[in-house]
Amino acid sequence: IEDSSPEASQLVGEGLARDVAKRLDAAYFGVSAANTPNG
């Protein structure tokens, strides 16, 4: 976190983005589930 280089921030952001994208797709192409939009 203390490393102010762009690479450090990008590492954190890319990891979050990959998982968020995966969960978004699972909900969109899925069926109704608790706490998710209707797919």
PDB file of all heavy atoms in Angstrom:
ATOM      1  N   ILE A   1       0.832  -1.204   0.000  1.00  0.00           N
ATOM      2  CA  ILE A   1       0.000   0.000   0.000  1.00  0.00           C
ATOM      3  C   ILE A   1       0.865   1.251   0.000  1.00  0.00           C
ATOM      4  O   ILE A   1       0.560   2.235  -0.675  1.00  0.00           O
ATOM      5  CB  ILE A   1      -0.936   0.005   1.226  1.00  0.00           C
ATOM      6  CG1 ILE A   1      -2.004  -1.068   1.059  1.00  0.00           C
ATOM      7  CG2 ILE A   1      -1.590   1.378   1.406  1.00  0.00           C
ATOM      8  CD1 ILE A   1      -2.991  -0.823  -0.050  1.00  0.00           C
ATOM      9  N   GLU A   2       1.974   1.212   0.740  1.00  0.00           N
ATOM     10  CA  GLU A   2       2.831   2.391   0.846  1.00  0.00           C
ATOM     11  C   GLU A   2       3.640   2.631  -0.422  1.00  0.00           C
ATOM     12  O   GLU A   2       4.190   3.706  -0.618  1.00  0.00           O
ATOM     13  CB  GLU A   2       3.773   2.220   2.039  1.00  0.00           C
ATOM     14  CG  GLU A   2       3.050   2.314   3.377  1.00  0.00           C
ATOM     15  CD  GLU A   2       3.906   1.816   4.535  1.00  0.00           C
ATOM     16  OE1 GLU A   2       5.066   1.436   4.273  1.00  0.00           O
ATOM     17  OE2 GLU A   2       3.406   1.807   5.667  1.00  0.00           O
ATOM     18  N   ASP A   3       3.717   1.610  -1.263  1.00  0.00           N
ATOM     19  CA  ASP A   3       4.412   1.776  -2.536  1.00  0.00           C
ATOM     20  C   ASP A   3       3.533   2.626  -3.438  1.00  0.00           C
ATOM     21  O   ASP A   3       2.436   2.225  -3.822  1.00  0.00           O
ATOM     22  CB  ASP A   3       4.664   0.405  -3.159  1.00  0.00           C
ATOM     23  CG  ASP A   3       5.500   0.488  -4.421  1.00  0.00           C
ATOM     24  OD1 ASP A   3       5.726   1.610  -4.912  1.00  0.00           O
ATOM     25  OD2 ASP A   3       5.912  -0.571  -4.911  1.00  0.00           O
ATOM     26  N   SER A   4       3.996   3.785  -3.784  1.00  0.00           N
ATOM     27  CA  SER A   4       3.156   4.723  -4.537  1.00  0.00           C
ATOM     28  C   SER A   4       3.250   4.538  -6.041  1.00  0.00           C
ATOM     29  O   SER A   4       2.689   5.315  -6.797  1.00  0.00           O
ATOM     30  CB  SER A   4       3.552   6.166  -4.192  1.00  0.00           C
ATOM     31  OG  SER A   4       4.919   6.380  -4.512  1.00  0.00           O
ATOM     32  N   SER A   5       3.949   3.496  -6.493  1.00  0.00           N
ATOM     33  CA  SER A   5       4.085   3.296  -7.932  1.00  0.00           C
ATOM     34  C   SER A   5       2.749   2.890  -8.540  1.00  0.00           C
ATOM     35  O   SER A   5       1.928   2.257  -7.882  1.00  0.00           O
ATOM     36  CB  SER A   5       5.122   2.218  -8.214  1.00  0.00           C
ATOM     37  OG  SER A   5       4.626   0.950  -7.839  1.00  0.00           O
ATOM     38  N   PRO A   6       2.499   3.212  -9.813  1.00  0.00           N
ATOM     39  CA  PRO A   6       1.244   2.798 -10.460  1.00  0.00           C
ATOM     40  C   PRO A   6       1.058   1.293 -10.471  1.00  0.00           C
ATOM     41  O   PRO A   6      -0.055   0.799 -10.426  1.00  0.00           O
ATOM     42  CB  PRO A   6       1.391   3.355 -11.883  1.00  0.00           C
ATOM     43  CG  PRO A   6       2.381   4.467 -11.759  1.00  0.00           C
ATOM     44  CD  PRO A   6       3.327   4.044 -10.675  1.00  0.00           C
ATOM     45  N   GLU A   7       2.154   0.538 -10.519  1.00  0.00           N
ATOM     46  CA  GLU A   7       2.040  -0.908 -10.570  1.00  0.00           C
ATOM     47  C   GLU A   7       1.370  -1.469  -9.319  1.00  0.00           C
ATOM     48  O   GLU A   7       0.606  -2.417  -9.379  1.00  0.00           O
ATOM     49  CB  GLU A   7       3.427  -1.543 -10.748  1.00  0.00           C
ATOM     50  CG  GLU A   7       4.064  -1.306 -12.110  1.00  0.00           C
ATOM     51  CD  GLU A   7       4.674   0.079 -12.231  1.00  0.00           C
ATOM     52  OE1 GLU A   7       4.744   0.798 -11.207  1.00  0.00           O
ATOM     53  OE2 GLU A   7       5.068   0.450 -13.345  1.00  0.00           O
ATOM     54  N   ALA A   8       1.666  -0.896  -8.153  1.00  0.00           N
ATOM     55  CA  ALA A   8       1.081  -1.380  -6.909  1.00  0.00           C
ATOM     56  C   ALA A   8      -0.420  -1.165  -6.895  1.00  0.00           C
ATOM     57  O   ALA A   8      -1.197  -2.063  -6.550  1.00  0.00           O
ATOM     58  CB  ALA A   8       1.736  -0.672  -5.721  1.00  0.00           C
ATOM     59  N   SER A   9      -0.873   0.020  -7.264  1.00  0.00           N
ATOM     60  CA  SER A   9      -2.302   0.304  -7.304  1.00  0.00           C
ATOM     61  C   SER A   9      -3.001  -0.561  -8.345  1.00  0.00           C
ATOM     62  O   SER A   9      -4.115  -1.042  -8.133  1.00  0.00           O
ATOM     63  CB  SER A   9      -2.538   1.788  -7.621  1.00  0.00           C
ATOM     64  OG  SER A   9      -1.995   2.608  -6.624  1.00  0.00           O
ATOM     65  N   GLN A  10      -2.356  -0.753  -9.476  1.00  0.00           N
ATOM     66  CA  GLN A  10      -2.956  -1.546 -10.543  1.00  0.00           C
ATOM     67  C   GLN A  10      -3.133  -2.999 -10.121  1.00  0.00           C
ATOM     68  O   GLN A  10      -4.124  -3.639 -10.461  1.00  0.00           O
ATOM     69  CB  GLN A  10      -2.086  -1.465 -11.792  1.00  0.00           C
ATOM     70  CG  GLN A  10      -2.692  -2.162 -12.999  1.00  0.00           C
ATOM     71  CD  GLN A  10      -1.879  -1.942 -14.260  1.00  0.00           C
ATOM     72  OE1 GLN A  10      -0.930  -1.164 -14.265  1.00  0.00           O
ATOM     73  NE2 GLN A  10      -2.239  -2.630 -15.315  1.00  0.00           N
ATOM     74  N   LEU A  11      -2.196  -3.532  -9.347  1.00  0.00           N
ATOM     75  CA  LEU A  11      -2.286  -4.906  -8.882  1.00  0.00           C
ATOM     76  C   LEU A  11      -3.530  -5.116  -8.033  1.00  0.00           C
ATOM     77  O   LEU A  11      -4.259  -6.094  -8.208  1.00  0.00           O
ATOM     78  CB  LEU A  11      -1.028  -5.262  -8.083  1.00  0.00           C
ATOM     79  CG  LEU A  11      -0.958  -6.675  -7.518  1.00  0.00           C
ATOM     80  CD1 LEU A  11      -0.892  -7.696  -8.652  1.00  0.00           C
ATOM     81  CD2 LEU A  11       0.252  -6.815  -6.596  1.00  0.00           C
ATOM     82  N   VAL A  12      -3.779  -4.190  -7.111  1.00  0.00           N
ATOM     83  CA  VAL A  12      -4.960  -4.289  -6.244  1.00  0.00           C
ATOM     84  C   VAL A  12      -6.235  -4.142  -7.069  1.00  0.00           C
ATOM     85  O   VAL A  12      -7.178  -4.926  -6.943  1.00  0.00           O
ATOM     86  CB  VAL A  12      -4.913  -3.211  -5.145  1.00  0.00           C
ATOM     87  CG1 VAL A  12      -6.183  -3.256  -4.306  1.00  0.00           C
ATOM     88  CG2 VAL A  12      -3.691  -3.408  -4.263  1.00  0.00           C
ATOM     89  N   GLY A  13      -6.260  -3.148  -7.958  1.00  0.00           N
ATOM     90  CA  GLY A  13      -7.462  -2.907  -8.753  1.00  0.00           C
ATOM     91  C   GLY A  13      -7.801  -4.033  -9.694  1.00  0.00           C
ATOM     92  O   GLY A  13      -8.959  -4.407  -9.844  1.00  0.00           O
ATOM     93  N   GLU A  14      -6.784  -4.623 -10.326  1.00  0.00           N
ATOM     94  CA  GLU A  14      -7.042  -5.703 -11.280  1.00  0.00           C
ATOM     95  C   GLU A  14      -7.597  -6.939 -10.583  1.00  0.00           C
ATOM     96  O   GLU A  14      -8.477  -7.624 -11.116  1.00  0.00           O
ATOM     97  CB  GLU A  14      -5.753  -6.057 -12.018  1.00  0.00           C
ATOM     98  CG  GLU A  14      -5.346  -5.039 -13.068  1.00  0.00           C
ATOM     99  CD  GLU A  14      -4.042  -5.411 -13.748  1.00  0.00           C
ATOM    100  OE1 GLU A  14      -3.370  -6.357 -13.264  1.00  0.00           O
ATOM    101  OE2 GLU A  14      -3.690  -4.751 -14.740  1.00  0.00           O
ATOM    102  N   GLY A  15      -7.090  -7.242  -9.404  1.00  0.00           N
ATOM    103  CA  GLY A  15      -7.598  -8.403  -8.665  1.00  0.00           C
ATOM    104  C   GLY A  15      -9.054  -8.240  -8.296  1.00  0.00           C
ATOM    105  O   GLY A  15      -9.860  -9.167  -8.449  1.00  0.00           O
ATOM    106  N   LEU A  16      -9.416  -7.052  -7.815  1.00  0.00           N
ATOM    107  CA  LEU A  16     -10.813  -6.783  -7.478  1.00  0.00           C
ATOM    108  C   LEU A  16     -11.683  -6.824  -8.730  1.00  0.00           C
ATOM    109  O   LEU A  16     -12.778  -7.390  -8.717  1.00  0.00           O
ATOM    110  CB  LEU A  16     -10.937  -5.415  -6.800  1.00  0.00           C
ATOM    111  CG  LEU A  16     -10.406  -5.303  -5.372  1.00  0.00           C
ATOM    112  CD1 LEU A  16     -10.380  -3.852  -4.935  1.00  0.00           C
ATOM    113  CD2 LEU A  16     -11.265  -6.124  -4.415  1.00  0.00           C
ATOM    114  N   ALA A  17     -11.202  -6.231  -9.815  1.00  0.00           N
ATOM    115  CA  ALA A  17     -11.980  -6.169 -11.047  1.00  0.00           C
ATOM    116  C   ALA A  17     -12.266  -7.550 -11.596  1.00  0.00           C
ATOM    117  O   ALA A  17     -13.382  -7.834 -12.061  1.00  0.00           O
ATOM    118  CB  ALA A  17     -11.253  -5.321 -12.087  1.00  0.00           C
ATOM    119  N   ARG A  18     -11.270  -8.435 -11.562  1.00  0.00           N
ATOM    120  CA  ARG A  18     -11.479  -9.793 -12.089  1.00  0.00           C
ATOM    121  C   ARG A  18     -12.563 -10.523 -11.322  1.00  0.00           C
ATOM    122  O   ARG A  18     -13.425 -11.182 -11.908  1.00  0.00           O
ATOM    123  CB  ARG A  18     -10.167 -10.581 -12.046  1.00  0.00           C
ATOM    124  CG  ARG A  18      -9.194 -10.243 -13.154  1.00  0.00           C
ATOM    125  CD  ARG A  18      -8.069 -11.268 -13.229  1.00  0.00           C
ATOM    126  NE  ARG A  18      -7.285 -11.307 -12.004  1.00  0.00           N
ATOM    127  CZ  ARG A  18      -6.214 -10.551 -11.787  1.00  0.00           C
ATOM    128  NH1 ARG A  18      -5.807  -9.707 -12.715  1.00  0.00           N
ATOM    129  NH2 ARG A  18      -5.539 -10.653 -10.655  1.00  0.00           N
ATOM    130  N   ASP A  19     -12.533 -10.423 -10.007  1.00  0.00           N
ATOM    131  CA  ASP A  19     -13.520 -11.149  -9.215  1.00  0.00           C
ATOM    132  C   ASP A  19     -14.905 -10.530  -9.341  1.00  0.00           C
ATOM    133  O   ASP A  19     -15.905 -11.242  -9.416  1.00  0.00           O
ATOM    134  CB  ASP A  19     -13.098 -11.196  -7.745  1.00  0.00           C
ATOM    135  CG  ASP A  19     -13.884 -12.241  -6.968  1.00  0.00           C
ATOM    136  OD1 ASP A  19     -13.767 -13.440  -7.295  1.00  0.00           O
ATOM    137  OD2 ASP A  19     -14.655 -11.862  -6.066  1.00  0.00           O
ATOM    138  N   VAL A  20     -14.979  -9.199  -9.360  1.00  0.00           N
ATOM    139  CA  VAL A  20     -16.269  -8.523  -9.531  1.00  0.00           C
ATOM    140  C   VAL A  20     -16.884  -8.902 -10.876  1.00  0.00           C
ATOM    141  O   VAL A  20     -18.080  -9.184 -10.979  1.00  0.00           O
ATOM    142  CB  VAL A  20     -16.110  -6.998  -9.402  1.00  0.00           C
ATOM    143  CG1 VAL A  20     -17.372  -6.282  -9.875  1.00  0.00           C
ATOM    144  CG2 VAL A  20     -15.814  -6.611  -7.960  1.00  0.00           C
ATOM    145  N   ALA A  21     -16.068  -8.935 -11.932  1.00  0.00           N
ATOM    146  CA  ALA A  21     -16.563  -9.306 -13.261  1.00  0.00           C
ATOM    147  C   ALA A  21     -17.084 -10.739 -13.267  1.00  0.00           C
ATOM    148  O   ALA A  21     -18.122 -11.041 -13.871  1.00  0.00           O
ATOM    149  CB  ALA A  21     -15.453  -9.141 -14.292  1.00  0.00           C
ATOM    150  N   LYS A  22     -16.384 -11.638 -12.595  1.00  0.00           N
ATOM    151  CA  LYS A  22     -16.804 -13.031 -12.529  1.00  0.00           C
ATOM    152  C   LYS A  22     -18.156 -13.165 -11.822  1.00  0.00           C
ATOM    153  O   LYS A  22     -19.048 -13.887 -12.268  1.00  0.00           O
ATOM    154  CB  LYS A  22     -15.752 -13.852 -11.784  1.00  0.00           C
ATOM    155  CG  LYS A  22     -16.027 -15.342 -11.730  1.00  0.00           C
ATOM    156  CD  LYS A  22     -15.063 -16.049 -10.788  1.00  0.00           C
ATOM    157  CE  LYS A  22     -13.628 -15.836 -11.194  1.00  0.00           C
ATOM    158  NZ  LYS A  22     -12.684 -16.547 -10.289  1.00  0.00           N
ATOM    159  N   ARG A  23     -18.321 -12.445 -10.712  1.00  0.00           N
ATOM    160  CA  ARG A  23     -19.582 -12.512  -9.958  1.00  0.00           C
ATOM    161  C   ARG A  23     -20.723 -11.855 -10.734  1.00  0.00           C
ATOM    162  O   ARG A  23     -21.872 -12.301 -10.672  1.00  0.00           O
ATOM    163  CB  ARG A  23     -19.429 -11.829  -8.594  1.00  0.00           C
ATOM    164  CG  ARG A  23     -18.274 -12.324  -7.759  1.00  0.00           C
ATOM    165  CD  ARG A  23     -18.403 -13.771  -7.386  1.00  0.00           C
ATOM    166  NE  ARG A  23     -17.215 -14.234  -6.671  1.00  0.00           N
ATOM    167  CZ  ARG A  23     -17.018 -15.475  -6.273  1.00  0.00           C
ATOM    168  NH1 ARG A  23     -17.921 -16.404  -6.539  1.00  0.00           N
ATOM    169  NH2 ARG A  23     -15.912 -15.822  -5.634  1.00  0.00           N
ATOM    170  N   LEU A  24     -20.409 -10.788 -11.454  1.00  0.00           N
ATOM    171  CA  LEU A  24     -21.427 -10.106 -12.257  1.00  0.00           C
ATOM    172  C   LEU A  24     -21.956 -11.043 -13.343  1.00  0.00           C
ATOM    173  O   LEU A  24     -23.166 -11.144 -13.571  1.00  0.00           O
ATOM    174  CB  LEU A  24     -20.837  -8.845 -12.869  1.00  0.00           C
ATOM    175  CG  LEU A  24     -21.806  -7.874 -13.556  1.00  0.00           C
ATOM    176  CD1 LEU A  24     -22.731  -7.227 -12.534  1.00  0.00           C
ATOM    177  CD2 LEU A  24     -21.031  -6.797 -14.310  1.00  0.00           C
ATOM    178  N   ASP A  25     -21.060 -11.758 -14.009  1.00  0.00           N
ATOM    179  CA  ASP A  25     -21.467 -12.701 -15.049  1.00  0.00           C
ATOM    180  C   ASP A  25     -22.272 -13.854 -14.471  1.00  0.00           C
ATOM    181  O   ASP A  25     -23.256 -14.308 -15.072  1.00  0.00           O
ATOM    182  CB  ASP A  25     -20.236 -13.243 -15.775  1.00  0.00           C
ATOM    183  CG  ASP A  25     -19.668 -12.261 -16.784  1.00  0.00           C
ATOM    184  OD1 ASP A  25     -20.287 -11.198 -16.984  1.00  0.00           O
ATOM    185  OD2 ASP A  25     -18.607 -12.549 -17.359  1.00  0.00           O
ATOM    186  N   ALA A  26     -21.856 -14.353 -13.309  1.00  0.00           N
ATOM    187  CA  ALA A  26     -22.572 -15.473 -12.684  1.00  0.00           C
ATOM    188  C   ALA A  26     -24.007 -15.089 -12.378  1.00  0.00           C
ATOM    189  O   ALA A  26     -24.934 -15.900 -12.541  1.00  0.00           O
ATOM    190  CB  ALA A  26     -21.856 -15.906 -11.405  1.00  0.00           C
ATOM    191  N   ALA A  27     -24.230 -13.861 -11.944  1.00  0.00           N
ATOM    192  CA  ALA A  27     -25.584 -13.408 -11.655  1.00  0.00           C
ATOM    193  C   ALA A  27     -26.376 -13.168 -12.931  1.00  0.00           C
ATOM    194  O   ALA A  27     -27.540 -13.550 -13.043  1.00  0.00           O
ATOM    195  CB  ALA A  27     -25.545 -12.126 -10.813  1.00  0.00           C
ATOM    196  N   TYR A  28     -25.737 -12.548 -13.933  1.00  0.00           N
ATOM    197  CA  TYR A  28     -26.441 -12.197 -15.169  1.00  0.00           C
ATOM    198  C   TYR A  28     -26.907 -13.437 -15.924  1.00  0.00           C
ATOM    199  O   TYR A  28     -28.034 -13.495 -16.413  1.00  0.00           O
ATOM    200  CB  TYR A  28     -25.536 -11.353 -16.062  1.00  0.00           C
ATOM    201  CG  TYR A  28     -26.201 -10.865 -17.331  1.00  0.00           C
ATOM    202  CD1 TYR A  28     -26.903  -9.672 -17.354  1.00  0.00           C
ATOM    203  CD2 TYR A  28     -26.140 -11.606 -18.515  1.00  0.00           C
ATOM    204  CE1 TYR A  28     -27.528  -9.219 -18.507  1.00  0.00           C
ATOM    205  CE2 TYR A  28     -26.755 -11.165 -19.671  1.00  0.00           C
ATOM    206  CZ  TYR A  28     -27.452  -9.977 -19.663  1.00  0.00           C
ATOM    207  OH  TYR A  28     -28.074  -9.541 -20.802  1.00  0.00           O
ATOM    208  N   PHE A  29     -26.065 -14.446 -16.029  1.00  0.00           N
ATOM    209  CA  PHE A  29     -26.412 -15.647 -16.788  1.00  0.00           C
ATOM    210  C   PHE A  29     -27.054 -16.724 -15.913  1.00  0.00           C
ATOM    211  O   PHE A  29     -27.347 -17.818 -16.406  1.00  0.00           O
ATOM    212  CB  PHE A  29     -25.170 -16.217 -17.477  1.00  0.00           C
ATOM    213  CG  PHE A  29     -24.621 -15.319 -18.552  1.00  0.00           C
ATOM    214  CD1 PHE A  29     -23.416 -14.652 -18.369  1.00  0.00           C
ATOM    215  CD2 PHE A  29     -25.312 -15.115 -19.731  1.00  0.00           C
ATOM    216  CE1 PHE A  29     -22.906 -13.818 -19.349  1.00  0.00           C
ATOM    217  CE2 PHE A  29     -24.819 -14.275 -20.718  1.00  0.00           C
ATOM    218  CZ  PHE A  29     -23.610 -13.622 -20.529  1.00  0.00           C
ATOM    219  N   GLY A  30     -27.288 -16.409 -14.652  1.00  0.00           N
ATOM    220  CA  GLY A  30     -27.885 -17.375 -13.738  1.00  0.00           C
ATOM    221  C   GLY A  30     -29.373 -17.160 -13.528  1.00  0.00           C
ATOM    222  O   GLY A  30     -30.057 -16.521 -14.332  1.00  0.00           O
ATOM    223  N   VAL A  31     -29.865 -17.698 -12.433  1.00  0.00           N
ATOM    224  CA  VAL A  31     -31.273 -17.571 -12.052  1.00  0.00           C
ATOM    225  C   VAL A  31     -31.353 -16.777 -10.763  1.00  0.00           C
ATOM    226  O   VAL A  31     -30.337 -16.365 -10.210  1.00  0.00           O
ATOM    227  CB  VAL A  31     -31.920 -18.966 -11.879  1.00  0.00           C
ATOM    228  CG1 VAL A  31     -31.939 -19.712 -13.197  1.00  0.00           C
ATOM    229  CG2 VAL A  31     -31.175 -19.781 -10.829  1.00  0.00           C
ATOM    230  N   SER A  32     -32.576 -16.577 -10.270  1.00  0.00           N
ATOM    231  CA  SER A  32     -32.758 -15.803  -9.053  1.00  0.00           C
ATOM    232  C   SER A  32     -32.036 -16.460  -7.882  1.00  0.00           C
ATOM    233  O   SER A  32     -32.073 -17.675  -7.712  1.00  0.00           O
ATOM    234  CB  SER A  32     -34.253 -15.683  -8.730  1.00  0.00           C
ATOM    235  OG  SER A  32     -34.935 -15.017  -9.769  1.00  0.00           O
ATOM    236  N   ALA A  33     -31.362 -15.632  -7.087  1.00  0.00           N
ATOM    237  CA  ALA A  33     -30.676 -16.111  -5.892  1.00  0.00           C
ATOM    238  C   ALA A  33     -30.713 -15.003  -4.856  1.00  0.00           C
ATOM    239  O   ALA A  33     -31.007 -13.841  -5.177  1.00  0.00           O
ATOM    240  CB  ALA A  33     -29.238 -16.514  -6.214  1.00  0.00           C
ATOM    241  N   ALA A  34     -30.432 -15.360  -3.621  1.00  0.00           N
ATOM    242  CA  ALA A  34     -30.484 -14.386  -2.538  1.00  0.00           C
ATOM    243  C   ALA A  34     -29.487 -13.253  -2.770  1.00  0.00           C
ATOM    244  O   ALA A  34     -28.336 -13.490  -3.135  1.00  0.00           O
ATOM    245  CB  ALA A  34     -30.193 -15.080  -1.208  1.00  0.00           C
ATOM    246  N   ASN A  35     -29.957 -12.029  -2.586  1.00  0.00           N
ATOM    247  CA  ASN A  35     -29.129 -10.818  -2.643  1.00  0.00           C
ATOM    248  C   ASN A  35     -28.544 -10.521  -4.022  1.00  0.00           C
ATOM    249  O   ASN A  35     -27.599  -9.740  -4.131  1.00  0.00           O
ATOM    250  CB  ASN A  35     -27.985 -10.908  -1.618  1.00  0.00           C
ATOM    251  CG  ASN A  35     -28.477 -11.120  -0.206  1.00  0.00           C
ATOM    252  OD1 ASN A  35     -29.451 -10.514   0.220  1.00  0.00           O
ATOM    253  ND2 ASN A  35     -27.813 -12.003   0.524  1.00  0.00           N
ATOM    254  N   THR A  36     -29.079 -11.145  -5.069  1.00  0.00           N
ATOM    255  CA  THR A  36     -28.588 -10.877  -6.417  1.00  0.00           C
ATOM    256  C   THR A  36     -29.727 -10.390  -7.309  1.00  0.00           C
ATOM    257  O   THR A  36     -30.897 -10.687  -7.052  1.00  0.00           O
ATOM    258  CB  THR A  36     -27.976 -12.142  -7.059  1.00  0.00           C
ATOM    259  OG1 THR A  36     -29.018 -13.094  -7.310  1.00  0.00           O
ATOM    260  CG2 THR A  36     -26.916 -12.759  -6.163  1.00  0.00           C
ATOM    261  N   PRO A  37     -29.407  -9.675  -8.374  1.00  0.00           N
ATOM    262  CA  PRO A  37     -30.450  -9.332  -9.354  1.00  0.00           C
ATOM    263  C   PRO A  37     -30.946 -10.601 -10.045  1.00  0.00           C
ATOM    264  O   PRO A  37     -30.238 -11.609 -10.098  1.00  0.00           O
ATOM    265  CB  PRO A  37     -29.710  -8.424 -10.349  1.00  0.00           C
ATOM    266  CG  PRO A  37     -28.423  -8.042  -9.683  1.00  0.00           C
ATOM    267  CD  PRO A  37     -28.088  -9.143  -8.735  1.00  0.00           C
ATOM    268  N   ASN A  38     -32.150 -10.550 -10.569  1.00  0.00           N
ATOM    269  CA  ASN A  38     -32.685 -11.688 -11.312  1.00  0.00           C
ATOM    270  C   ASN A  38     -31.948 -11.813 -12.646  1.00  0.00           C
ATOM    271  O   ASN A  38     -31.949 -10.892 -13.455  1.00  0.00           O
ATOM    272  CB  ASN A  38     -34.183 -11.527 -11.562  1.00  0.00           C
ATOM    273  CG  ASN A  38     -34.991 -11.660 -10.285  1.00  0.00           C
ATOM    274  OD1 ASN A  38     -34.568 -12.326  -9.333  1.00  0.00           O
ATOM    275  ND2 ASN A  38     -36.146 -11.031 -10.243  1.00  0.00           N
ATOM    276  N   GLY A  39     -31.318 -12.974 -12.852  1.00  0.00           N
ATOM    277  CA  GLY A  39     -30.553 -13.192 -14.059  1.00  0.00           C
ATOM    278  C   GLY A  39     -31.413 -13.581 -15.241  1.00  0.00           C
ATOM    279  O   GLY A  39     -32.635 -13.771 -15.127  1.00  0.00           O
TER     280      GLY A  39
END
